[in-house]
C-alpha atoms as a PDB file:
ATOM      1  CA  MET A   1      81.020 151.355 144.787  1.00  0.00           C
ATOM      2  CA  PRO A   2      80.625 154.151 142.214  1.00  0.00           C
ATOM      3  CA  VAL A   3      82.908 154.203 139.194  1.00  0.00           C
ATOM      4  CA  ASP A   4      85.610 156.867 139.082  1.00  0.00           C
ATOM      5  CA  ASN A   5      84.414 158.295 135.774  1.00  0.00           C
ATOM      6  CA  ASP A   6      87.305 160.728 135.372  1.00  0.00           C
ATOM      7  CA  ARG A   7      89.810 157.904 135.749  1.00  0.00           C
ATOM      8  CA  PHE A   8      87.777 155.663 133.456  1.00  0.00           C
ATOM      9  CA  GLN A   9      87.616 158.278 130.696  1.00  0.00           C
ATOM     10  CA  SER A  10      91.339 158.948 131.049  1.00  0.00           C
ATOM     11  CA  LEU A  11      92.097 155.233 130.714  1.00  0.00           C
ATOM     12  CA  ILE A  12      89.939 154.911 127.619  1.00  0.00           C
ATOM     13  CA  ARG A  13      91.604 157.921 125.996  1.00  0.00           C
ATOM     14  CA  ARG A  14      95.036 156.372 126.623  1.00  0.00           C
ATOM     15  CA  ALA A  15      94.238 152.853 125.412  1.00  0.00           C
ATOM     16  CA  ALA A  16      96.571 151.573 122.688  1.00  0.00           C
ATOM     17  CA  PHE A  17      93.810 149.302 121.377  1.00  0.00           C
ATOM     18  CA  ASN A  18      90.141 149.338 122.296  1.00  0.00           C
ATOM     19  CA  ALA A  19      87.560 146.971 120.816  1.00  0.00           C
ATOM     20  CA  GLU A  20      84.375 147.787 122.730  1.00  0.00           C
ATOM     21  CA  LEU A  21      82.214 145.092 121.242  1.00  0.00           C
ATOM     22  CA  TRP A  22      79.405 145.984 123.630  1.00  0.00           C
ATOM     23  CA  ARG A  23      78.827 149.040 121.453  1.00  0.00           C
ATOM     24  CA  GLY A  24      77.873 146.742 118.590  1.00  0.00           C
ATOM     25  CA  THR A  25      81.013 147.561 116.609  1.00  0.00           C
ATOM     26  CA  VAL A  26      84.252 145.737 115.901  1.00  0.00           C
ATOM     27  CA  GLN A  27      86.233 148.920 115.199  1.00  0.00           C
ATOM     28  CA  ASP A  28      89.255 149.947 117.251  1.00  0.00           C
ATOM     29  CA  LEU A  29      88.001 152.939 119.254  1.00  0.00           C
ATOM     30  CA  SER A  30      91.445 153.965 120.530  1.00  0.00           C
ATOM     31  CA  PRO A  31      93.016 157.182 119.192  1.00  0.00           C
ATOM     32  CA  ALA A  32      94.663 155.041 116.468  1.00  0.00           C
ATOM     33  CA  GLN A  33      91.209 154.138 115.052  1.00  0.00           C
ATOM     34  CA  ARG A  34      92.390 151.005 113.267  1.00  0.00           C
ATOM     35  CA  ALA A  35      89.824 149.563 110.881  1.00  0.00           C
ATOM     36  CA  MET A  36      88.564 146.125 111.937  1.00  0.00           C
ATOM     37  CA  ALA A  37      86.406 143.649 110.069  1.00  0.00           C
ATOM     38  CA  PHE A  38      84.686 140.333 110.723  1.00  0.00           C
ATOM     39  CA  VAL A  39      86.630 137.193 109.904  1.00  0.00           C
ATOM     40  CA  GLY A  40      84.825 133.892 109.523  1.00  0.00           C
ATOM     41  CA  ALA A  41      81.146 133.969 110.446  1.00  0.00           C
ATOM     42  CA  PRO A  42      80.762 135.294 113.996  1.00  0.00           C
ATOM     43  CA  THR A  43      77.402 136.537 115.244  1.00  0.00           C
ATOM     44  CA  TRP A  44      76.197 138.807 117.998  1.00  0.00           C
ATOM     45  CA  SER A  45      74.831 137.709 121.341  1.00  0.00           C
ATOM     46  CA  ARG A  46      73.880 139.781 124.393  1.00  0.00           C
ATOM     47  CA  ILE A  47      74.753 140.063 128.061  1.00  0.00           C
ATOM     48  CA  ASN A  48      72.617 142.314 130.233  1.00  0.00           C
ATOM     49  CA  GLY A  49      71.312 144.001 127.091  1.00  0.00           C
ATOM     50  CA  TRP A  50      74.777 144.786 125.700  1.00  0.00           C
ATOM     51  CA  PRO A  51      76.038 143.266 122.437  1.00  0.00           C
ATOM     52  CA  ILE A  52      78.798 140.694 122.724  1.00  0.00           C
ATOM     53  CA  LEU A  53      80.745 139.170 119.823  1.00  0.00           C
ATOM     54  CA  LYS A  54      80.003 135.442 119.536  1.00  0.00           C
ATOM     55  CA  GLN A  55      82.510 133.041 118.024  1.00  0.00           C
ATOM     56  CA  ASN A  56      80.683 130.041 116.576  1.00  0.00           C
ATOM     57  CA  ALA A  57      83.555 128.111 115.012  1.00  0.00           C
ATOM     58  CA  VAL A  58      87.304 128.066 114.521  1.00  0.00           C
ATOM     59  CA  GLY A  59      88.363 131.264 112.769  1.00  0.00           C
ATOM     60  CA  ASP A  60      85.429 133.455 113.804  1.00  0.00           C
ATOM     61  CA  GLY A  61      86.263 136.873 115.224  1.00  0.00           C
ATOM     62  CA  ALA A  62      87.440 140.323 114.175  1.00  0.00           C
ATOM     63  CA  THR A  63      90.693 141.359 112.555  1.00  0.00           C
ATOM     64  CA  SER A  64      92.527 144.387 111.234  1.00  0.00           C
ATOM     65  CA  GLY A  65      94.836 144.624 108.272  1.00  0.00           C
ATOM     66  CA  ASN A  66      98.561 144.523 108.927  1.00  0.00           C
ATOM     67  CA  VAL A  67      99.350 147.343 111.346  1.00  0.00           C
ATOM     68  CA  ALA A  68     102.283 148.408 113.514  1.00  0.00           C
ATOM     69  CA  ASN A  69     102.557 146.931 116.997  1.00  0.00           C
ATOM     70  CA  ILE A  70      99.701 148.025 119.253  1.00  0.00           C
ATOM     71  CA  VAL A  71     102.022 147.568 122.252  1.00  0.00           C
ATOM     72  CA  ASP A  72     105.777 147.243 122.632  1.00  0.00           C
ATOM     73  CA  VAL A  73     106.274 143.792 124.170  1.00  0.00           C
ATOM     74  CA  THR A  74     109.844 144.635 125.204  1.00  0.00           C
ATOM     75  CA  THR A  75     108.506 147.090 127.806  1.00  0.00           C
ATOM     76  CA  PRO A  76     105.602 146.874 130.302  1.00  0.00           C
ATOM     77  CA  PHE A  77     102.100 146.568 128.857  1.00  0.00           C
ATOM     78  CA  TRP A  78      98.710 145.372 130.036  1.00  0.00           C
ATOM     79  CA  LEU A  79      95.525 143.866 128.650  1.00  0.00           C
ATOM     80  CA  GLU A  80      91.856 143.811 129.611  1.00  0.00           C
ATOM     81  CA  CYS A  81      89.116 141.485 128.417  1.00  0.00           C
ATOM     82  CA  ILE A  82      85.603 140.415 129.338  1.00  0.00           C
ATOM     83  CA  PHE A  83      84.876 137.046 127.794  1.00  0.00           C
ATOM     84  CA  VAL A  84      83.439 133.609 128.413  1.00  0.00           C
ATOM     85  CA  SER A  85      84.306 130.281 126.837  1.00  0.00           C
ATOM     86  CA  THR A  86      81.166 128.462 125.829  1.00  0.00           C
ATOM     87  CA  ALA A  87      82.938 125.216 124.867  1.00  0.00           C
ATOM     88  CA  GLY A  88      84.921 123.489 127.576  1.00  0.00           C
ATOM     89  CA  GLY A  89      87.014 121.365 125.240  1.00  0.00           C
ATOM     90  CA  THR A  90      88.721 124.038 123.157  1.00  0.00           C
ATOM     91  CA  ALA A  91      91.094 126.959 123.638  1.00  0.00           C
ATOM     92  CA  CYS A  92      89.804 130.497 123.068  1.00  0.00           C
ATOM     93  CA  TYR A  93      91.933 133.379 121.849  1.00  0.00           C
ATOM     94  CA  ALA A  94      91.074 136.744 123.381  1.00  0.00           C
ATOM     95  CA  LEU A  95      93.546 139.138 121.725  1.00  0.00           C
ATOM     96  CA  GLN A  96      96.680 138.690 119.673  1.00  0.00           C
ATOM     97  CA  GLN A  97      99.185 140.362 117.409  1.00  0.00           C
ATOM     98  CA  GLY A  98     101.916 137.816 116.994  1.00  0.00           C
ATOM     99  CA  LEU A  99     103.059 134.332 116.151  1.00  0.00           C
ATOM    100  CA  SER A 100     105.942 132.212 117.399  1.00  0.00           C
ATOM    101  CA  THR A 101     108.004 132.741 114.256  1.00  0.00           C
ATOM    102  CA  PHE A 102     107.177 136.460 114.004  1.00  0.00           C
ATOM    103  CA  GLY A 103     107.331 137.824 117.557  1.00  0.00           C
ATOM    104  CA  GLY A 104     104.579 139.728 119.348  1.00  0.00           C
ATOM    105  CA  PHE A 105     102.013 138.162 121.694  1.00  0.00           C
ATOM    106  CA  VAL A 106      98.945 135.938 121.949  1.00  0.00           C
ATOM    107  CA  TRP A 107      96.545 136.112 124.933  1.00  0.00           C
ATOM    108  CA  TYR A 108      94.258 133.126 125.252  1.00  0.00           C
ATOM    109  CA  TRP A 109      92.234 130.902 127.528  1.00  0.00           C
ATOM    110  CA  SER A 110      93.630 127.387 127.750  1.00  0.00           C
ATOM    111  CA  VAL A 111      91.634 124.335 128.696  1.00  0.00           C
ATOM    112  CA  GLY A 112      94.616 122.058 128.114  1.00  0.00           C
ATOM    113  CA  ALA A 113      96.782 124.006 130.538  1.00  0.00           C
ATOM    114  CA  GLY A 114      94.147 123.833 133.270  1.00  0.00           C
ATOM    115  CA  ASN A 115      91.344 126.343 132.624  1.00  0.00           C
ATOM    116  CA  LYS A 116      93.390 129.510 132.902  1.00  0.00           C
ATOM    117  CA  LEU A 117      94.469 132.569 130.968  1.00  0.00           C
ATOM    118  CA  VAL A 118      97.865 132.465 129.285  1.00  0.00           C
ATOM    119  CA  LEU A 119      99.901 135.232 127.667  1.00  0.00           C
ATOM    120  CA  GLU A 120     102.522 133.933 125.255  1.00  0.00           C
ATOM    121  CA  MET A 121     105.213 136.327 124.068  1.00  0.00           C
ATOM    122  CA  TYR A 122     107.527 135.343 121.242  1.00  0.00           C
ATOM    123  CA  ASP A 123     111.093 136.057 120.183  1.00  0.00           C
ATOM    124  CA  GLY A 124     110.454 135.531 116.481  1.00  0.00           C
ATOM    125  CA  ALA A 125     113.082 132.805 116.231  1.00  0.00           C
ATOM    126  CA  ALA A 126     113.151 130.007 118.804  1.00  0.00           C
ATOM    127  CA  GLY A 127     109.465 130.431 119.580  1.00  0.00           C
ATOM    128  CA  ALA A 128     107.990 131.187 122.996  1.00  0.00           C
ATOM    129  CA  ALA A 129     110.107 133.794 124.771  1.00  0.00           C
ATOM    130  CA  ARG A 130     107.963 133.996 127.882  1.00  0.00           C
ATOM    131  CA  SER A 131     104.686 132.497 129.034  1.00  0.00           C
ATOM    132  CA  ILE A 132     102.713 134.153 131.834  1.00  0.00           C
ATOM    133  CA  ALA A 133      99.750 132.178 133.084  1.00  0.00           C
ATOM    134  CA  GLY A 134      97.069 132.532 135.733  1.00  0.00           C
ATOM    135  CA  ALA A 135      96.358 129.889 138.335  1.00  0.00           C
ATOM    136  CA  GLY A 136      94.820 126.614 137.206  1.00  0.00           C
ATOM    137  CA  GLY A 137      91.046 126.689 137.545  1.00  0.00           C
ATOM    138  CA  SER A 138      90.967 130.488 137.662  1.00  0.00           C
ATOM    139  CA  HIS A 139      88.881 130.776 134.496  1.00  0.00           C
ATOM    140  CA  MET A 140      86.450 127.888 134.208  1.00  0.00           C
ATOM    141  CA  PRO A 141      84.366 127.512 131.021  1.00  0.00           C
ATOM    142  CA  GLY A 142      80.861 128.888 130.909  1.00  0.00           C
ATOM    143  CA  ILE A 143      81.530 131.715 133.389  1.00  0.00           C
ATOM    144  CA  LEU A 144      81.834 135.341 132.283  1.00  0.00           C
ATOM    145  CA  ARG A 145      84.840 137.068 133.847  1.00  0.00           C
ATOM    146  CA  HIS A 146      86.606 140.405 133.702  1.00  0.00           C
ATOM    147  CA  THR A 147      90.355 139.911 133.497  1.00  0.00           C
ATOM    148  CA  ILE A 148      93.337 142.259 133.511  1.00  0.00           C
ATOM    149  CA  LEU A 149      96.850 141.008 132.915  1.00  0.00           C
ATOM    150  CA  ALA A 150      99.918 143.222 133.262  1.00  0.00           C
ATOM    151  CA  VAL A 151     103.404 142.206 132.197  1.00  0.00           C
ATOM    152  CA  THR A 152     106.896 143.600 132.657  1.00  0.00           C
ATOM    153  CA  PRO A 153     109.877 141.941 130.967  1.00  0.00           C
ATOM    154  CA  LEU A 154     110.318 139.435 133.819  1.00  0.00           C
ATOM    155  CA  SER A 155     107.114 139.468 135.859  1.00  0.00           C
ATOM    156  CA  GLY A 156     103.363 139.539 135.551  1.00  0.00           C
ATOM    157  CA  SER A 157     100.227 140.387 137.502  1.00  0.00           C
ATOM    158  CA  CYS A 158      96.647 139.277 136.969  1.00  0.00           C
ATOM    159  CA  TRP A 159      93.274 140.348 138.353  1.00  0.00           C
ATOM    160  CA  VAL A 160      90.020 138.448 137.866  1.00  0.00           C
ATOM    161  CA  ASN A 161      86.902 140.519 138.627  1.00  0.00           C
ATOM    162  CA  GLY A 162      89.184 143.015 140.380  1.00  0.00           C
ATOM    163  CA  ILE A 163      90.758 140.394 142.669  1.00  0.00           C
ATOM    164  CA  PRO A 164      94.501 139.586 142.349  1.00  0.00           C
ATOM    165  CA  SER A 165      95.173 136.128 140.938  1.00  0.00           C
ATOM    166  CA  ALA A 166      98.424 134.161 141.180  1.00  0.00           C
ATOM    167  CA  MET A 167     100.705 134.011 138.142  1.00  0.00           C
ATOM    168  CA  THR A 168     103.350 131.602 136.924  1.00  0.00           C
ATOM    169  CA  ILE A 169     106.118 132.496 134.463  1.00  0.00           C
ATOM    170  CA  VAL A 170     107.871 130.087 132.097  1.00  0.00           C
ATOM    171  CA  ASN A 171     110.935 130.817 129.929  1.00  0.00           C
ATOM    172  CA  THR A 172     113.215 133.821 130.249  1.00  0.00           C
ATOM    173  CA  ARG A 173     114.142 134.749 126.689  1.00  0.00           C
ATOM    174  CA  ALA A 174     113.539 138.333 125.669  1.00  0.00           C
ATOM    175  CA  ALA A 175     110.374 138.895 123.665  1.00  0.00           C
ATOM    176  CA  THR A 176     110.515 140.818 120.402  1.00  0.00           C
ATOM    177  CA  ASN A 177     107.964 142.875 118.544  1.00  0.00           C
ATOM    178  CA  CYS A 178     106.564 141.602 115.283  1.00  0.00           C
ATOM    179  CA  ALA A 179     106.635 143.240 111.873  1.00  0.00           C
ATOM    180  CA  PRO A 180     103.328 144.866 110.894  1.00  0.00           C
ATOM    181  CA  ARG A 181     100.715 142.205 111.460  1.00  0.00           C
ATOM    182  CA  ALA A 182      96.967 141.934 111.951  1.00  0.00           C
ATOM    183  CA  VAL A 183      95.399 142.469 115.364  1.00  0.00           C
ATOM    184  CA  ARG A 184      92.833 139.795 116.084  1.00  0.00           C
ATOM    185  CA  VAL A 185      90.055 139.515 118.644  1.00  0.00           C
ATOM    186  CA  MET A 186      89.296 135.785 118.792  1.00  0.00           C
ATOM    187  CA  GLY A 187      89.426 134.302 115.320  1.00  0.00           C
ATOM    188  CA  THR A 188      92.241 131.724 115.384  1.00  0.00           C
ATOM    189  CA  LEU A 189      92.439 128.373 117.162  1.00  0.00           C
ATOM    190  CA  GLY A 190      89.593 126.991 119.187  1.00  0.00           C
ATOM    191  CA  GLY A 191      86.024 128.063 118.855  1.00  0.00           C
ATOM    192  CA  CYS A 192      82.940 129.032 120.756  1.00  0.00           C
ATOM    193  CA  CYS A 193      83.567 131.981 123.025  1.00  0.00           C
ATOM    194  CA  GLN A 194      81.908 135.331 123.554  1.00  0.00           C
ATOM    195  CA  THR A 195      83.833 138.556 124.014  1.00  0.00           C
ATOM    196  CA  MET A 196      82.473 141.845 125.304  1.00  0.00           C
ATOM    197  CA  LEU A 197      85.612 143.961 125.040  1.00  0.00           C
ATOM    198  CA  ALA A 198      89.354 143.670 124.429  1.00  0.00           C
ATOM    199  CA  ARG A 199      91.753 146.491 125.282  1.00  0.00           C
ATOM    200  CA  ALA A 200      95.491 147.060 125.525  1.00  0.00           C
ATOM    201  CA  TRP A 201      97.664 149.708 127.148  1.00  0.00           C
ATOM    202  CA  GLN A 202     101.362 150.469 127.307  1.00  0.00           C
ATOM    203  CA  GLY A 203     102.757 150.813 130.830  1.00  0.00           C
ATOM    204  CA  THR A 204     101.621 149.403 134.162  1.00  0.00           C
ATOM    205  CA  PRO A 205      98.166 149.743 135.758  1.00  0.00           C
ATOM    206  CA  THR A 206      97.716 151.054 139.280  1.00  0.00           C
ATOM    207  CA  ASN A 207      95.445 149.335 141.782  1.00  0.00           C
ATOM    208  CA  GLU A 208      93.067 152.253 141.287  1.00  0.00           C
ATOM    209  CA  ASP A 209      93.044 151.661 137.519  1.00  0.00           C
ATOM    210  CA  VAL A 210      92.194 147.999 138.014  1.00  0.00           C
ATOM    211  CA  ALA A 211      89.457 148.767 140.550  1.00  0.00           C
ATOM    212  CA  CYS A 212      87.936 151.364 138.232  1.00  0.00           C
ATOM    213  CA  LEU A 213      87.787 149.080 135.194  1.00  0.00           C
ATOM    214  CA  ALA A 214      86.560 146.112 137.228  1.00  0.00           C
ATOM    215  CA  GLU A 215      83.745 148.147 138.778  1.00  0.00           C
ATOM    216  CA  GLN A 216      82.688 149.504 135.386  1.00  0.00           C
ATOM    217  CA  ALA A 217      82.635 145.969 133.997  1.00  0.00           C
ATOM    218  CA  LYS A 218      80.627 144.701 136.969  1.00  0.00           C
ATOM    219  CA  LEU A 219      77.987 147.370 136.455  1.00  0.00           C
ATOM    220  CA  MET A 220      77.756 146.565 132.747  1.00  0.00           C
ATOM    221  CA  VAL A 221      77.212 142.842 133.127  1.00  0.00           C
ATOM    222  CA  GLY A 222      74.972 143.099 136.185  1.00  0.00           C
ATOM    223  CA  GLY A 223      77.338 141.640 138.775  1.00  0.00           C
ATOM    224  CA  TRP A 224      79.585 138.625 139.088  1.00  0.00           C
END
């Protein structure tokens, strides 16, 4: 299926955060153009000829300085990532701007929770405000996948390679935004994953948006 290029370009222009690592850069390519830099000692790998950021140890990744919230976690927002965990025994962080005592969010792959993607949102006081997780076994280690996760205050949706995936939601406290804080792609707990892109948008994706981004990703990596 051909990619809807007009829709794709519109989505990219409207992204709140856009780390297209496949371009060989760690800079935020959204209209905000936040400066990013390596943290730790990551390297570059390749998938289908495209660069991909390779985390070799705990702490490796890319980070900004302290910046205002890339998305408002009190209203709908959504995230996109192409990544693969190359170590089955550790968690891998895909994108974050938050911490339990500060608010914000962390999006990560969890081996301990059953090989699935988890989005933790925080209230900045008691800790986890809401946890939205994909189905167990939906993101096994060693397999590259394109994932989109969309969240509203009390619900969530997930697509893996363009296909809807079941979600579970834990906790019902309201999430809060964090004070200016670094945006990180990988770079915290865990180790050993490879990330091709990490993006964020405010709002809710349509089925057409998801299909467009999934098809573009499929063409880039050479198929699933």
